Full PDB file with SEQRES, HELIX, SHEET, SSBOND, CRYST1, ORIGX, SCALE, CONECT and MASTER records, all heavy atoms in Angstrom:
SEQRES   1 A   37  PRO SER PHE ASP ALA TRP ILE LYS ALA TRP SER GLN ALA          
SEQRES   2 A   37  CYS THR GLY LEU ASN CYS GLU GLY ILE HIS VAL GLY MET          
SEQRES   3 A   37  LEU ASN SER ILE LYS ILE LEU ILE PRO SER VAL                  
HELIX    1 AA1 ASP A    4  SER A   11  1                                   8    
HELIX    2 AA2 HIS A   23  SER A   36  1                                  14    
SSBOND   1 CYS A   14    CYS A   19                          1555   1555  1.90  
CRYST1    1.000    1.000    1.000  90.00  90.00  90.00 P 1           1          
ORIGX1      1.000000  0.000000  0.000000        0.00000                         
ORIGX2      0.000000  1.000000  0.000000        0.00000                         
ORIGX3      0.000000  0.000000  1.000000        0.00000                         
SCALE1      1.000000  0.000000  0.000000        0.00000                         
SCALE2      0.000000  1.000000  0.000000        0.00000                         
SCALE3      0.000000  0.000000  1.000000        0.00000                         
ATOM      1  N   PRO A   1     103.220 123.165  90.576  1.00  0.00           N  
ATOM      2  CA  PRO A   1     104.064 123.239  89.362  1.00  0.00           C  
ATOM      3  C   PRO A   1     105.060 124.397  89.431  1.00  0.00           C  
ATOM      4  O   PRO A   1     104.749 125.487  89.898  1.00  0.00           O  
ATOM      5  CB  PRO A   1     103.037 123.456  88.234  1.00  0.00           C  
ATOM      6  CG  PRO A   1     101.739 122.999  88.797  1.00  0.00           C  
ATOM      7  CD  PRO A   1     101.791 123.286  90.272  1.00  0.00           C  
ATOM      8  N   SER A   2     106.265 124.119  88.971  1.00  0.00           N  
ATOM      9  CA  SER A   2     107.317 125.133  88.991  1.00  0.00           C  
ATOM     10  C   SER A   2     108.235 124.931  87.794  1.00  0.00           C  
ATOM     11  O   SER A   2     108.496 123.794  87.382  1.00  0.00           O  
ATOM     12  CB  SER A   2     108.120 125.033  90.291  1.00  0.00           C  
ATOM     13  OG  SER A   2     109.250 125.883  90.257  1.00  0.00           O  
ATOM     14  N   PHE A   3     108.709 126.041  87.256  1.00  0.00           N  
ATOM     15  CA  PHE A   3     109.652 126.006  86.138  1.00  0.00           C  
ATOM     16  C   PHE A   3     111.093 126.191  86.599  1.00  0.00           C  
ATOM     17  O   PHE A   3     111.963 126.494  85.780  1.00  0.00           O  
ATOM     18  CB  PHE A   3     109.295 127.080  85.102  1.00  0.00           C  
ATOM     19  CG  PHE A   3     108.088 126.749  84.276  1.00  0.00           C  
ATOM     20  CD1 PHE A   3     106.827 127.197  84.659  1.00  0.00           C  
ATOM     21  CD2 PHE A   3     108.201 125.978  83.133  1.00  0.00           C  
ATOM     22  CE1 PHE A   3     105.710 126.892  83.900  1.00  0.00           C  
ATOM     23  CE2 PHE A   3     107.099 125.667  82.373  1.00  0.00           C  
ATOM     24  CZ  PHE A   3     105.840 126.121  82.757  1.00  0.00           C  
ATOM     25  N   ASP A   4     111.337 126.000  87.888  1.00  0.00           N  
ATOM     26  CA  ASP A   4     112.703 126.154  88.394  1.00  0.00           C  
ATOM     27  C   ASP A   4     113.657 125.158  87.754  1.00  0.00           C  
ATOM     28  O   ASP A   4     114.825 125.485  87.473  1.00  0.00           O  
ATOM     29  CB  ASP A   4     112.711 125.977  89.914  1.00  0.00           C  
ATOM     30  CG  ASP A   4     111.988 127.110  90.642  1.00  0.00           C  
ATOM     31  OD1 ASP A   4     111.806 128.176  90.010  1.00  0.00           O  
ATOM     32  OD2 ASP A   4     111.594 126.928  91.802  1.00  0.00           O  
ATOM     33  N   ALA A   5     113.185 123.922  87.519  1.00  0.00           N  
ATOM     34  CA  ALA A   5     114.046 122.912  86.908  1.00  0.00           C  
ATOM     35  C   ALA A   5     114.404 123.307  85.475  1.00  0.00           C  
ATOM     36  O   ALA A   5     115.521 123.056  85.016  1.00  0.00           O  
ATOM     37  CB  ALA A   5     113.354 121.555  86.930  1.00  0.00           C  
ATOM     38  N   TRP A   6     113.474 123.924  84.764  1.00  0.00           N  
ATOM     39  CA  TRP A   6     113.738 124.373  83.398  1.00  0.00           C  
ATOM     40  C   TRP A   6     114.800 125.477  83.398  1.00  0.00           C  
ATOM     41  O   TRP A   6     115.704 125.469  82.551  1.00  0.00           O  
ATOM     42  CB  TRP A   6     112.452 124.884  82.759  1.00  0.00           C  
ATOM     43  CG  TRP A   6     111.444 123.820  82.470  1.00  0.00           C  
ATOM     44  CD1 TRP A   6     110.762 123.070  83.398  1.00  0.00           C  
ATOM     45  CD2 TRP A   6     111.012 123.367  81.194  1.00  0.00           C  
ATOM     46  NE1 TRP A   6     109.921 122.189  82.768  1.00  0.00           N  
ATOM     47  CE2 TRP A   6     110.044 122.358  81.413  1.00  0.00           C  
ATOM     48  CE3 TRP A   6     111.321 123.725  79.895  1.00  0.00           C  
ATOM     49  CZ2 TRP A   6     109.398 121.697  80.372  1.00  0.00           C  
ATOM     50  CZ3 TRP A   6     110.684 123.082  78.841  1.00  0.00           C  
ATOM     51  CH2 TRP A   6     109.737 122.080  79.086  1.00  0.00           C  
ATOM     52  N   ILE A   7     114.662 126.402  84.332  1.00  0.00           N  
ATOM     53  CA  ILE A   7     115.637 127.496  84.410  1.00  0.00           C  
ATOM     54  C   ILE A   7     117.015 126.950  84.754  1.00  0.00           C  
ATOM     55  O   ILE A   7     118.029 127.357  84.166  1.00  0.00           O  
ATOM     56  CB  ILE A   7     115.172 128.533  85.450  1.00  0.00           C  
ATOM     57  CG1 ILE A   7     113.844 129.167  85.008  1.00  0.00           C  
ATOM     58  CG2 ILE A   7     116.236 129.606  85.655  1.00  0.00           C  
ATOM     59  CD1 ILE A   7     113.226 130.079  86.052  1.00  0.00           C  
ATOM     60  N   LYS A   8     117.060 126.003  85.690  1.00  0.00           N  
ATOM     61  CA  LYS A   8     118.345 125.436  86.071  1.00  0.00           C  
ATOM     62  C   LYS A   8     118.951 124.636  84.934  1.00  0.00           C  
ATOM     63  O   LYS A   8     120.167 124.694  84.695  1.00  0.00           O  
ATOM     64  CB  LYS A   8     118.182 124.551  87.306  1.00  0.00           C  
ATOM     65  CG  LYS A   8     119.491 124.008  87.839  1.00  0.00           C  
ATOM     66  CD  LYS A   8     119.318 123.283  89.157  1.00  0.00           C  
ATOM     67  CE  LYS A   8     120.661 122.808  89.689  1.00  0.00           C  
ATOM     68  NZ  LYS A   8     120.537 122.105  90.988  1.00  0.00           N  
ATOM     69  N   ALA A   9     118.111 123.877  84.208  1.00  0.00           N  
ATOM     70  CA  ALA A   9     118.630 123.098  83.078  1.00  0.00           C  
ATOM     71  C   ALA A   9     119.191 124.011  81.999  1.00  0.00           C  
ATOM     72  O   ALA A   9     120.209 123.699  81.370  1.00  0.00           O  
ATOM     73  CB  ALA A   9     117.518 122.215  82.505  1.00  0.00           C  
ATOM     74  N   TRP A  10     118.571 125.142  81.798  1.00  0.00           N  
ATOM     75  CA  TRP A  10     118.997 126.052  80.742  1.00  0.00           C  
ATOM     76  C   TRP A  10     120.276 126.808  81.093  1.00  0.00           C  
ATOM     77  O   TRP A  10     121.147 126.980  80.234  1.00  0.00           O  
ATOM     78  CB  TRP A  10     117.879 127.043  80.446  1.00  0.00           C  
ATOM     79  CG  TRP A  10     118.210 128.052  79.392  1.00  0.00           C  
ATOM     80  CD1 TRP A  10     118.511 129.367  79.564  1.00  0.00           C  
ATOM     81  CD2 TRP A  10     118.287 127.813  77.984  1.00  0.00           C  
ATOM     82  NE1 TRP A  10     118.748 129.974  78.362  1.00  0.00           N  
ATOM     83  CE2 TRP A  10     118.621 129.047  77.363  1.00  0.00           C  
ATOM     84  CE3 TRP A  10     118.100 126.699  77.180  1.00  0.00           C  
ATOM     85  CZ2 TRP A  10     118.778 129.177  75.994  1.00  0.00           C  
ATOM     86  CZ3 TRP A  10     118.252 126.823  75.800  1.00  0.00           C  
ATOM     87  CH2 TRP A  10     118.588 128.049  75.226  1.00  0.00           C  
ATOM     88  N   SER A  11     120.422 127.207  82.358  1.00  0.00           N  
ATOM     89  CA  SER A  11     121.526 128.119  82.685  1.00  0.00           C  
ATOM     90  C   SER A  11     122.455 127.635  83.795  1.00  0.00           C  
ATOM     91  O   SER A  11     123.521 128.238  83.990  1.00  0.00           O  
ATOM     92  CB  SER A  11     120.959 129.487  83.106  1.00  0.00           C  
ATOM     93  OG  SER A  11     120.098 129.352  84.227  1.00  0.00           O  
ATOM     94  N   GLN A  12     122.087 126.547  84.516  1.00  0.00           N  
ATOM     95  CA  GLN A  12     122.919 126.158  85.646  1.00  0.00           C  
ATOM     96  C   GLN A  12     123.244 124.670  85.705  1.00  0.00           C  
ATOM     97  O   GLN A  12     123.987 124.246  86.600  1.00  0.00           O  
ATOM     98  CB  GLN A  12     122.219 126.546  86.957  1.00  0.00           C  
ATOM     99  CG  GLN A  12     121.934 128.025  87.093  1.00  0.00           C  
ATOM    100  CD  GLN A  12     121.134 128.345  88.344  1.00  0.00           C  
ATOM    101  OE1 GLN A  12     121.025 127.526  89.256  1.00  0.00           O  
ATOM    102  NE2 GLN A  12     120.556 129.534  88.383  1.00  0.00           N  
ATOM    103  N   ALA A  13     122.715 123.868  84.825  1.00  0.00           N  
ATOM    104  CA  ALA A  13     122.978 122.427  84.870  1.00  0.00           C  
ATOM    105  C   ALA A  13     124.461 122.159  84.658  1.00  0.00           C  
ATOM    106  O   ALA A  13     125.134 122.844  83.876  1.00  0.00           O  
ATOM    107  CB  ALA A  13     122.151 121.700  83.817  1.00  0.00           C  
ATOM    108  N   CYS A  14     124.972 121.157  85.358  1.00  0.00           N  
ATOM    109  CA  CYS A  14     126.400 120.866  85.330  1.00  0.00           C  
ATOM    110  C   CYS A  14     126.712 119.732  84.366  1.00  0.00           C  
ATOM    111  O   CYS A  14     126.057 118.684  84.386  1.00  0.00           O  
ATOM    112  CB  CYS A  14     126.889 120.475  86.725  1.00  0.00           C  
ATOM    113  SG  CYS A  14     126.772 121.809  87.948  1.00  0.00           S  
ATOM    114  N   THR A  15     127.697 119.949  83.529  1.00  0.00           N  
ATOM    115  CA  THR A  15     128.257 118.901  82.687  1.00  0.00           C  
ATOM    116  C   THR A  15     129.696 118.698  83.144  1.00  0.00           C  
ATOM    117  O   THR A  15     130.607 119.373  82.683  1.00  0.00           O  
ATOM    118  CB  THR A  15     128.205 119.299  81.207  1.00  0.00           C  
ATOM    119  OG1 THR A  15     128.921 120.526  81.029  1.00  0.00           O  
ATOM    120  CG2 THR A  15     126.779 119.494  80.739  1.00  0.00           C  
ATOM    121  N   GLY A  16     129.856 117.769  84.075  1.00  0.00           N  
ATOM    122  CA  GLY A  16     131.164 117.634  84.702  1.00  0.00           C  
ATOM    123  C   GLY A  16     131.378 118.766  85.697  1.00  0.00           C  
ATOM    124  O   GLY A  16     130.560 118.994  86.592  1.00  0.00           O  
ATOM    125  N   LEU A  17     132.457 119.505  85.538  1.00  0.00           N  
ATOM    126  CA  LEU A  17     132.762 120.633  86.415  1.00  0.00           C  
ATOM    127  C   LEU A  17     132.232 121.948  85.869  1.00  0.00           C  
ATOM    128  O   LEU A  17     132.342 122.987  86.528  1.00  0.00           O  
ATOM    129  CB  LEU A  17     134.276 120.742  86.629  1.00  0.00           C  
ATOM    130  CG  LEU A  17     134.938 119.533  87.294  1.00  0.00           C  
ATOM    131  CD1 LEU A  17     136.445 119.753  87.382  1.00  0.00           C  
ATOM    132  CD2 LEU A  17     134.349 119.279  88.685  1.00  0.00           C  
ATOM    133  N   ASN A  18     131.670 121.932  84.674  1.00  0.00           N  
ATOM    134  CA  ASN A  18     131.142 123.140  84.056  1.00  0.00           C  
ATOM    135  C   ASN A  18     129.645 123.228  84.344  1.00  0.00           C  
ATOM    136  O   ASN A  18     128.877 122.333  83.974  1.00  0.00           O  
ATOM    137  CB  ASN A  18     131.405 123.102  82.544  1.00  0.00           C  
ATOM    138  CG  ASN A  18     130.999 124.393  81.865  1.00  0.00           C  
ATOM    139  OD1 ASN A  18     130.614 125.353  82.523  1.00  0.00           O  
ATOM    140  ND2 ASN A  18     131.071 124.417  80.546  1.00  0.00           N  
ATOM    141  N   CYS A  19     129.204 124.290  84.988  1.00  0.00           N  
ATOM    142  CA  CYS A  19     127.798 124.444  85.389  1.00  0.00           C  
ATOM    143  C   CYS A  19     127.174 125.670  84.726  1.00  0.00           C  
ATOM    144  O   CYS A  19     126.645 126.566  85.395  1.00  0.00           O  
ATOM    145  CB  CYS A  19     127.688 124.533  86.904  1.00  0.00           C  
ATOM    146  SG  CYS A  19     128.214 123.042  87.785  1.00  0.00           S  
ATOM    147  N   GLU A  20     127.254 125.726  83.419  1.00  0.00           N  
ATOM    148  CA  GLU A  20     126.684 126.851  82.667  1.00  0.00           C  
ATOM    149  C   GLU A  20     125.386 126.494  81.976  1.00  0.00           C  
ATOM    150  O   GLU A  20     124.862 127.285  81.193  1.00  0.00           O  
ATOM    151  CB  GLU A  20     127.694 127.339  81.625  1.00  0.00           C  
ATOM    152  CG  GLU A  20     128.968 127.901  82.235  1.00  0.00           C  
ATOM    153  CD  GLU A  20     129.936 128.393  81.166  1.00  0.00           C  
ATOM    154  OE1 GLU A  20     129.612 128.216  79.969  1.00  0.00           O  
ATOM    155  OE2 GLU A  20     130.983 128.952  81.518  1.00  0.00           O  
ATOM    156  N   GLY A  21     124.832 125.310  82.216  1.00  0.00           N  
ATOM    157  CA  GLY A  21     123.580 124.932  81.578  1.00  0.00           C  
ATOM    158  C   GLY A  21     123.788 124.461  80.150  1.00  0.00           C  
ATOM    159  O   GLY A  21     124.905 124.433  79.627  1.00  0.00           O  
ATOM    160  N   ILE A  22     122.662 124.095  79.507  1.00  0.00           N  
ATOM    161  CA  ILE A  22     122.746 123.549  78.151  1.00  0.00           C  
ATOM    162  C   ILE A  22     122.518 124.598  77.072  1.00  0.00           C  
ATOM    163  O   ILE A  22     122.483 124.256  75.883  1.00  0.00           O  
ATOM    164  CB  ILE A  22     121.729 122.399  77.965  1.00  0.00           C  
ATOM    165  CG1 ILE A  22     120.301 122.917  78.161  1.00  0.00           C  
ATOM    166  CG2 ILE A  22     122.021 121.250  78.915  1.00  0.00           C  
ATOM    167  CD1 ILE A  22     119.256 121.888  77.813  1.00  0.00           C  
ATOM    168  N   HIS A  23     122.378 125.873  77.477  1.00  0.00           N  
ATOM    169  CA  HIS A  23     122.187 126.897  76.450  1.00  0.00           C  
ATOM    170  C   HIS A  23     123.426 127.045  75.583  1.00  0.00           C  
ATOM    171  O   HIS A  23     123.327 127.410  74.407  1.00  0.00           O  
ATOM    172  CB  HIS A  23     121.818 128.237  77.093  1.00  0.00           C  
ATOM    173  CG  HIS A  23     122.961 128.926  77.775  1.00  0.00           C  
ATOM    174  ND1 HIS A  23     123.405 128.576  79.043  1.00  0.00           N  
ATOM    175  CD2 HIS A  23     123.768 129.938  77.359  1.00  0.00           C  
ATOM    176  CE1 HIS A  23     124.410 129.354  79.377  1.00  0.00           C  
ATOM    177  NE2 HIS A  23     124.667 130.189  78.382  1.00  0.00           N  
ATOM    178  N   VAL A  24     124.603 126.758  76.158  1.00  0.00           N  
ATOM    179  CA  VAL A  24     125.826 126.802  75.353  1.00  0.00           C  
ATOM    180  C   VAL A  24     125.782 125.734  74.268  1.00  0.00           C  
ATOM    181  O   VAL A  24     126.163 125.967  73.115  1.00  0.00           O  
ATOM    182  CB  VAL A  24     127.061 126.618  76.251  1.00  0.00           C  
ATOM    183  CG1 VAL A  24     128.337 126.614  75.415  1.00  0.00           C  
ATOM    184  CG2 VAL A  24     127.124 127.707  77.314  1.00  0.00           C  
ATOM    185  N   GLY A  25     125.302 124.558  74.620  1.00  0.00           N  
ATOM    186  CA  GLY A  25     125.178 123.499  73.626  1.00  0.00           C  
ATOM    187  C   GLY A  25     124.181 123.830  72.543  1.00  0.00           C  
ATOM    188  O   GLY A  25     124.369 123.455  71.380  1.00  0.00           O  
ATOM    189  N   MET A  26     123.098 124.550  72.883  1.00  0.00           N  
ATOM    190  CA  MET A  26     122.126 124.944  71.855  1.00  0.00           C  
ATOM    191  C   MET A  26     122.761 125.893  70.843  1.00  0.00           C  
ATOM    192  O   MET A  26     122.547 125.756  69.634  1.00  0.00           O  
ATOM    193  CB  MET A  26     120.903 125.594  72.492  1.00  0.00           C  
ATOM    194  CG  MET A  26     119.921 126.170  71.469  1.00  0.00           C  
ATOM    195  SD  MET A  26     118.339 126.686  72.153  1.00  0.00           S  
ATOM    196  CE  MET A  26     117.495 125.112  72.261  1.00  0.00           C  
ATOM    197  N   LEU A  27     123.555 126.839  71.318  1.00  0.00           N  
ATOM    198  CA  LEU A  27     124.237 127.751  70.398  1.00  0.00           C  
ATOM    199  C   LEU A  27     125.194 126.990  69.483  1.00  0.00           C  
ATOM    200  O   LEU A  27     125.262 127.252  68.273  1.00  0.00           O  
ATOM    201  CB  LEU A  27     124.990 128.821  71.184  1.00  0.00           C  
ATOM    202  CG  LEU A  27     124.132 129.796  72.007  1.00  0.00           C  
ATOM    203  CD1 LEU A  27     125.025 130.741  72.806  1.00  0.00           C  
ATOM    204  CD2 LEU A  27     123.197 130.577  71.107  1.00  0.00           C  
ATOM    205  N   ASN A  28     125.908 126.028  70.049  1.00  0.00           N  
ATOM    206  CA  ASN A  28     126.803 125.214  69.218  1.00  0.00           C  
ATOM    207  C   ASN A  28     126.018 124.387  68.204  1.00  0.00           C  
ATOM    208  O   ASN A  28     126.443 124.241  67.054  1.00  0.00           O  
ATOM    209  CB  ASN A  28     127.643 124.296  70.108  1.00  0.00           C  
ATOM    210  CG  ASN A  28     128.654 125.052  70.952  1.00  0.00           C  
ATOM    211  OD1 ASN A  28     129.099 126.132  70.580  1.00  0.00           O  
ATOM    212  ND2 ASN A  28     129.015 124.479  72.089  1.00  0.00           N  
ATOM    213  N   SER A  29     124.872 123.850  68.618  1.00  0.00           N  
ATOM    214  CA  SER A  29     124.056 123.058  67.703  1.00  0.00           C  
ATOM    215  C   SER A  29     123.556 123.906  66.536  1.00  0.00           C  
ATOM    216  O   SER A  29     123.513 123.449  65.396  1.00  0.00           O  
ATOM    217  CB  SER A  29     122.869 122.441  68.454  1.00  0.00           C  
ATOM    218  OG  SER A  29     123.296 121.474  69.391  1.00  0.00           O  
ATOM    219  N   ILE A  30     123.178 125.141  66.828  1.00  0.00           N  
ATOM    220  CA  ILE A  30     122.717 126.036  65.763  1.00  0.00           C  
ATOM    221  C   ILE A  30     123.856 126.366  64.806  1.00  0.00           C  
ATOM    222  O   ILE A  30     123.671 126.391  63.576  1.00  0.00           O  
ATOM    223  CB  ILE A  30     122.111 127.318  66.375  1.00  0.00           C  
ATOM    224  CG1 ILE A  30     120.824 126.977  67.129  1.00  0.00           C  
ATOM    225  CG2 ILE A  30     121.836 128.350  65.289  1.00  0.00           C  
ATOM    226  CD1 ILE A  30     120.237 128.152  67.882  1.00  0.00           C  
ATOM    227  N   LYS A  31     125.047 126.606  65.363  1.00  0.00           N  
ATOM    228  CA  LYS A  31     126.206 126.893  64.515  1.00  0.00           C  
ATOM    229  C   LYS A  31     126.546 125.706  63.612  1.00  0.00           C  
ATOM    230  O   LYS A  31     127.027 125.894  62.487  1.00  0.00           O  
ATOM    231  CB  LYS A  31     127.419 127.229  65.379  1.00  0.00           C  
ATOM    232  CG  LYS A  31     127.298 128.532  66.154  1.00  0.00           C  
ATOM    233  CD  LYS A  31     128.517 128.747  67.039  1.00  0.00           C  
ATOM    234  CE  LYS A  31     128.385 130.004  67.889  1.00  0.00           C  
ATOM    235  NZ  LYS A  31     129.563 130.183  68.777  1.00  0.00           N  
ATOM    236  N   ILE A  32     126.315 124.502  64.104  1.00  0.00           N  
ATOM    237  CA  ILE A  32     126.575 123.309  63.293  1.00  0.00           C  
ATOM    238  C   ILE A  32     125.440 123.068  62.306  1.00  0.00           C  
ATOM    239  O   ILE A  32     125.670 122.713  61.144  1.00  0.00           O  
ATOM    240  CB  ILE A  32     126.764 122.082  64.208  1.00  0.00           C  
ATOM    241  CG1 ILE A  32     128.025 122.242  65.057  1.00  0.00           C  
ATOM    242  CG2 ILE A  32     126.831 120.794  63.400  1.00  0.00           C  
ATOM    243  CD1 ILE A  32     128.164 121.197  66.155  1.00  0.00           C  
ATOM    244  N   LEU A  33     124.210 123.285  62.757  1.00  0.00           N  
ATOM    245  CA  LEU A  33     123.033 122.916  61.961  1.00  0.00           C  
ATOM    246  C   LEU A  33     122.893 123.742  60.693  1.00  0.00           C  
ATOM    247  O   LEU A  33     122.737 123.185  59.596  1.00  0.00           O  
ATOM    248  CB  LEU A  33     121.783 123.070  62.832  1.00  0.00           C  
ATOM    249  CG  LEU A  33     120.445 122.803  62.138  1.00  0.00           C  
ATOM    250  CD1 LEU A  33     120.289 121.327  61.830  1.00  0.00           C  
ATOM    251  CD2 LEU A  33     119.285 123.296  63.001  1.00  0.00           C  
ATOM    252  N   ILE A  34     122.939 125.053  60.818  1.00  0.00           N  
ATOM    253  CA  ILE A  34     122.592 125.917  59.683  1.00  0.00           C  
ATOM    254  C   ILE A  34     123.530 125.708  58.490  1.00  0.00           C  
ATOM    255  O   ILE A  34     123.058 125.433  57.374  1.00  0.00           O  
ATOM    256  CB  ILE A  34     122.571 127.390  60.133  1.00  0.00           C  
ATOM    257  CG1 ILE A  34     121.425 127.611  61.120  1.00  0.00           C  
ATOM    258  CG2 ILE A  34     122.420 128.324  58.930  1.00  0.00           C  
ATOM    259  CD1 ILE A  34     121.360 129.011  61.696  1.00  0.00           C  
ATOM    260  N   PRO A  35     124.848 125.797  58.641  1.00  0.00           N  
ATOM    261  CA  PRO A  35     125.695 125.575  57.459  1.00  0.00           C  
ATOM    262  C   PRO A  35     125.643 124.137  56.955  1.00  0.00           C  
ATOM    263  O   PRO A  35     125.745 123.905  55.750  1.00  0.00           O  
ATOM    264  CB  PRO A  35     127.101 125.946  57.951  1.00  0.00           C  
ATOM    265  CG  PRO A  35     127.042 125.834  59.423  1.00  0.00           C  
ATOM    266  CD  PRO A  35     125.653 126.190  59.819  1.00  0.00           C  
ATOM    267  N   SER A  36     125.467 123.154  57.852  1.00  0.00           N  
ATOM    268  CA  SER A  36     125.411 121.758  57.410  1.00  0.00           C  
ATOM    269  C   SER A  36     124.191 121.518  56.533  1.00  0.00           C  
ATOM    270  O   SER A  36     124.282 120.850  55.494  1.00  0.00           O  
ATOM    271  CB  SER A  36     125.381 120.822  58.625  1.00  0.00           C  
ATOM    272  OG  SER A  36     126.540 120.949  59.412  1.00  0.00           O  
ATOM    273  N   VAL A  37     123.047 122.052  56.926  1.00  0.00           N  
ATOM    274  CA  VAL A  37     121.823 121.869  56.135  1.00  0.00           C  
ATOM    275  C   VAL A  37     121.940 122.575  54.787  1.00  0.00           C  
ATOM    276  O   VAL A  37     121.617 122.006  53.733  1.00  0.00           O  
ATOM    277  CB  VAL A  37     120.604 122.388  56.920  1.00  0.00           C  
ATOM    278  CG1 VAL A  37     119.364 122.406  56.036  1.00  0.00           C  
ATOM    279  CG2 VAL A  37     120.361 121.521  58.148  1.00  0.00           C  
TER     280      VAL A  37                                                      
CONECT  113  146                                                                
CONECT  146  113                                                                
MASTER        0    0    0    2    0    0    0    6  279    1    2    3          
END                                                                             
């Protein structure tokens, strides 16, 4: 067992040519979620 895939998904996964992971999307989701709720 290894958490390397989790680390890569969080900080290095590629969405097209952008390889910054999905942590950027989580921050955007939080910015959308809190005021909307």
